[in-house]
N, C-alpha and C. Protein backbone atom coordinates (compact mmCIF):
# COMPACT_ATOMS: atom_id res chain seq x y z
N MET A 1 -47.54 2.48 -11.48
CA MET A 1 -47.35 1.20 -10.51
C MET A 1 -45.92 0.48 -10.42
N ARG A 2 -45.33 0.17 -9.91
CA ARG A 2 -43.80 -0.16 -10.25
C ARG A 2 -43.77 -1.60 -9.35
N LEU A 3 -43.42 -2.69 -10.31
CA LEU A 3 -43.75 -4.08 -9.49
C LEU A 3 -41.77 -3.99 -9.00
N SER A 4 -41.93 -4.62 -8.13
CA SER A 4 -40.68 -5.25 -7.55
C SER A 4 -40.62 -6.32 -8.71
N MET A 5 -39.02 -6.65 -8.69
CA MET A 5 -38.79 -7.45 -9.48
C MET A 5 -37.69 -8.63 -8.83
N VAL A 6 -38.05 -9.90 -9.28
CA VAL A 6 -36.99 -10.72 -8.62
C VAL A 6 -35.80 -11.32 -9.12
N PRO A 7 -34.46 -10.94 -8.86
CA PRO A 7 -33.22 -11.17 -9.38
C PRO A 7 -33.35 -12.57 -9.71
N ILE A 8 -32.83 -12.52 -11.04
CA ILE A 8 -32.49 -14.07 -11.40
C ILE A 8 -31.01 -14.23 -11.62
N GLN A 9 -30.48 -15.55 -11.51
CA GLN A 9 -29.12 -15.71 -11.35
C GLN A 9 -29.18 -16.44 -12.41
N PHE A 10 -28.47 -16.64 -13.69
CA PHE A 10 -28.41 -17.43 -14.50
C PHE A 10 -26.96 -18.28 -14.41
N GLU A 11 -26.92 -19.66 -14.37
CA GLU A 11 -26.21 -20.31 -14.34
C GLU A 11 -25.69 -21.37 -15.75
N ASN A 12 -24.44 -21.60 -15.80
CA ASN A 12 -24.59 -22.45 -16.54
C ASN A 12 -24.51 -23.91 -16.21
N THR A 13 -25.47 -24.29 -16.29
CA THR A 13 -26.07 -25.61 -15.75
C THR A 13 -25.28 -26.94 -16.42
N ASN A 14 -24.56 -26.72 -17.57
CA ASN A 14 -23.83 -27.69 -17.88
C ASN A 14 -22.63 -28.27 -16.88
N SER A 15 -21.99 -26.96 -16.38
CA SER A 15 -20.79 -26.97 -15.49
C SER A 15 -21.31 -27.81 -14.29
N GLU A 16 -22.54 -27.57 -13.83
CA GLU A 16 -23.05 -28.10 -12.44
C GLU A 16 -23.44 -29.92 -12.74
N ILE A 17 -23.61 -30.17 -13.81
CA ILE A 17 -23.92 -31.52 -14.13
C ILE A 17 -22.26 -32.18 -14.09
N MET A 18 -21.39 -31.64 -15.28
CA MET A 18 -20.31 -32.15 -14.99
C MET A 18 -19.73 -32.36 -13.70
N ALA A 19 -19.88 -31.29 -13.03
CA ALA A 19 -19.40 -31.29 -11.73
C ALA A 19 -19.77 -32.54 -10.60
N ARG A 20 -21.21 -32.75 -10.85
CA ARG A 20 -21.78 -33.89 -10.29
C ARG A 20 -21.11 -35.36 -10.63
N ILE A 21 -21.19 -35.39 -12.32
CA ILE A 21 -20.54 -36.87 -12.45
C ILE A 21 -19.31 -36.91 -12.43
N VAL A 22 -18.00 -35.91 -12.24
CA VAL A 22 -16.86 -35.98 -11.71
C VAL A 22 -16.92 -36.35 -10.15
N LYS A 23 -17.46 -35.85 -9.04
CA LYS A 23 -18.06 -36.44 -8.25
C LYS A 23 -18.27 -37.43 -7.71
N ALA A 24 -19.37 -37.90 -8.41
CA ALA A 24 -19.91 -39.21 -8.27
C ALA A 24 -18.55 -40.62 -8.81
N ALA A 25 -17.79 -39.99 -9.55
CA ALA A 25 -16.79 -41.07 -10.22
C ALA A 25 -15.69 -41.14 -9.37
N SER A 26 -15.63 -39.85 -8.46
CA SER A 26 -14.47 -40.07 -7.75
C SER A 26 -14.77 -40.77 -6.58
N ARG A 27 -15.97 -40.92 -6.20
CA ARG A 27 -16.27 -41.47 -4.95
C ARG A 27 -16.37 -43.23 -5.39
N LYS A 28 -16.13 -43.47 -6.38
CA LYS A 28 -15.98 -44.64 -6.51
C LYS A 28 -14.46 -45.35 -6.61
N TYR A 29 -13.77 -44.27 -6.50
CA TYR A 29 -12.38 -44.49 -6.17
C TYR A 29 -11.76 -43.95 -4.59
N ASN A 30 -12.91 -43.83 -4.20
CA ASN A 30 -12.49 -43.14 -2.40
C ASN A 30 -11.93 -41.86 -2.54
N CYS A 31 -12.12 -40.96 -3.62
CA CYS A 31 -11.69 -39.40 -3.43
C CYS A 31 -12.82 -38.98 -3.53
N ASP A 32 -12.57 -37.43 -3.40
CA ASP A 32 -13.38 -36.31 -3.38
C ASP A 32 -13.46 -35.37 -4.21
N VAL A 33 -14.01 -34.78 -4.91
CA VAL A 33 -13.74 -33.37 -5.46
C VAL A 33 -14.67 -32.44 -5.28
N GLU A 34 -14.22 -31.33 -4.87
CA GLU A 34 -15.19 -30.28 -4.51
C GLU A 34 -14.99 -29.15 -5.81
N ILE A 35 -16.11 -28.97 -5.97
CA ILE A 35 -16.23 -28.02 -7.40
C ILE A 35 -17.43 -26.74 -7.17
N ASP A 36 -16.60 -25.83 -7.11
CA ASP A 36 -17.67 -24.29 -7.17
C ASP A 36 -17.53 -23.49 -8.23
N PHE A 37 -18.45 -23.24 -8.79
CA PHE A 37 -18.27 -22.50 -10.11
C PHE A 37 -19.05 -21.16 -9.79
N SER A 38 -19.62 -21.04 -8.49
CA SER A 38 -20.57 -19.98 -8.29
C SER A 38 -19.93 -18.51 -8.24
N ASN A 39 -20.31 -17.39 -8.45
CA ASN A 39 -19.73 -16.03 -8.37
C ASN A 39 -18.96 -15.61 -9.01
N GLY A 40 -18.81 -16.58 -10.55
CA GLY A 40 -17.40 -16.49 -11.11
C GLY A 40 -16.06 -16.83 -10.37
N VAL A 41 -16.10 -17.85 -9.48
CA VAL A 41 -15.27 -18.23 -9.27
C VAL A 41 -14.99 -19.60 -9.80
N GLN A 42 -13.74 -20.23 -10.00
CA GLN A 42 -13.67 -21.35 -10.23
C GLN A 42 -12.81 -22.59 -9.62
N LYS A 43 -13.53 -23.33 -8.34
CA LYS A 43 -12.60 -23.70 -7.50
C LYS A 43 -12.79 -25.35 -7.33
N VAL A 44 -11.73 -25.80 -7.60
CA VAL A 44 -11.96 -27.06 -7.59
C VAL A 44 -10.52 -27.64 -6.90
N VAL A 45 -10.92 -28.76 -5.85
CA VAL A 45 -9.86 -29.23 -4.41
C VAL A 45 -10.17 -30.81 -4.90
N PHE A 46 -9.34 -31.43 -4.96
CA PHE A 46 -9.29 -32.86 -5.16
C PHE A 46 -8.72 -33.14 -3.80
N THR A 47 -9.48 -34.27 -3.15
CA THR A 47 -9.02 -34.82 -1.96
C THR A 47 -9.06 -36.63 -2.30
N GLY A 48 -7.75 -37.28 -1.81
CA GLY A 48 -7.39 -38.68 -2.24
C GLY A 48 -6.45 -38.72 -3.18
N ASP A 49 -6.28 -40.00 -3.37
CA ASP A 49 -4.95 -40.50 -4.29
C ASP A 49 -4.72 -40.09 -5.36
N GLU A 50 -3.60 -39.37 -5.75
CA GLU A 50 -3.22 -38.85 -6.58
C GLU A 50 -3.29 -39.26 -7.86
N GLU A 51 -2.81 -40.47 -7.79
CA GLU A 51 -2.46 -41.82 -8.94
C GLU A 51 -4.19 -42.00 -9.40
N MET A 52 -5.11 -41.55 -8.51
CA MET A 52 -6.48 -42.40 -9.13
C MET A 52 -7.18 -40.84 -10.12
N LYS A 53 -6.42 -39.96 -10.07
CA LYS A 53 -7.12 -38.70 -10.84
C LYS A 53 -7.17 -39.27 -12.29
N ALA A 54 -6.14 -40.29 -13.16
CA ALA A 54 -6.04 -40.30 -14.28
C ALA A 54 -7.83 -41.29 -14.66
N TYR A 55 -7.62 -42.41 -13.71
CA TYR A 55 -8.94 -43.34 -13.49
C TYR A 55 -10.27 -42.66 -13.40
N ILE A 56 -10.34 -41.48 -12.59
CA ILE A 56 -11.77 -40.96 -12.54
C ILE A 56 -12.13 -40.16 -14.20
N ALA A 57 -10.83 -39.34 -14.40
CA ALA A 57 -10.92 -38.77 -15.87
C ALA A 57 -11.12 -39.65 -16.63
N GLY A 58 -10.34 -40.89 -17.01
CA GLY A 58 -10.70 -41.57 -17.77
C GLY A 58 -12.15 -42.08 -18.24
N GLU A 59 -12.93 -42.90 -16.82
CA GLU A 59 -14.27 -42.72 -16.50
C GLU A 59 -15.13 -41.80 -17.08
N VAL A 60 -15.05 -40.39 -16.68
CA VAL A 60 -16.10 -39.43 -17.04
C VAL A 60 -15.81 -39.35 -18.50
N LEU A 61 -14.55 -39.36 -18.90
CA LEU A 61 -14.66 -39.55 -20.77
C LEU A 61 -15.54 -40.33 -21.14
N GLU A 62 -15.13 -41.62 -20.68
CA GLU A 62 -15.83 -42.73 -21.54
C GLU A 62 -17.51 -42.52 -21.48
N ILE A 63 -18.01 -41.91 -20.50
CA ILE A 63 -19.38 -41.77 -20.27
C ILE A 63 -19.92 -41.05 -21.41
N PHE A 64 -18.59 -40.22 -22.20
CA PHE A 64 -19.37 -39.11 -23.49
C PHE A 64 -18.87 -39.62 -24.61
N GLU A 65 -18.40 -40.83 -24.56
CA GLU A 65 -17.63 -41.32 -25.51
C GLU A 65 -18.99 -41.91 -26.45
N PRO A 66 -18.70 -41.81 -27.94
CA PRO A 66 -19.88 -42.70 -28.93
C PRO A 66 -19.69 -43.96 -28.67
N LYS A 67 -20.47 -44.69 -28.42
CA LYS A 67 -20.82 -46.48 -28.31
C LYS A 67 -21.08 -46.46 -29.65
N GLU A 68 -20.48 -48.08 -30.21
CA GLU A 68 -20.68 -48.77 -31.40
C GLU A 68 -22.22 -48.68 -31.49
N ALA A 69 -23.23 -49.28 -30.56
CA ALA A 69 -24.63 -49.44 -30.63
C ALA A 69 -25.29 -48.12 -31.23
N ASP A 70 -24.44 -46.67 -30.73
CA ASP A 70 -24.93 -45.44 -31.29
C ASP A 70 -24.66 -45.32 -32.53
N ALA A 71 -23.57 -45.66 -32.99
CA ALA A 71 -23.32 -45.39 -34.59
C ALA A 71 -24.05 -45.96 -35.18
N CYS A 72 -24.40 -47.43 -35.03
CA CYS A 72 -25.41 -48.24 -35.45
C CYS A 72 -26.89 -47.54 -35.82
N SER A 73 -27.20 -46.78 -34.82
CA SER A 73 -28.84 -46.33 -34.93
C SER A 73 -28.78 -45.10 -35.92
N TYR A 74 -27.94 -44.31 -35.90
CA TYR A 74 -27.61 -43.26 -37.01
C TYR A 74 -27.45 -43.48 -38.19
N GLN A 75 -27.26 -44.81 -38.77
CA GLN A 75 -27.39 -44.81 -40.07
C GLN A 75 -28.39 -45.48 -40.88
């Protein structure tokens, strides 16, 4: 007896999470970012004021910076 297998597509969920964070940060600056990493394509389209890109990137990077309180808890 042969079983039909359901195809499973593995995707990098880290990319999806990062895309959602960037999209949310861009909305705070009245901008939008369309990010699509599906099917091996890496498409990123920014819509909005170009000067806001630095602020959006800074805000996203700040999320992942270690905080002083975090450093104290590991000692």
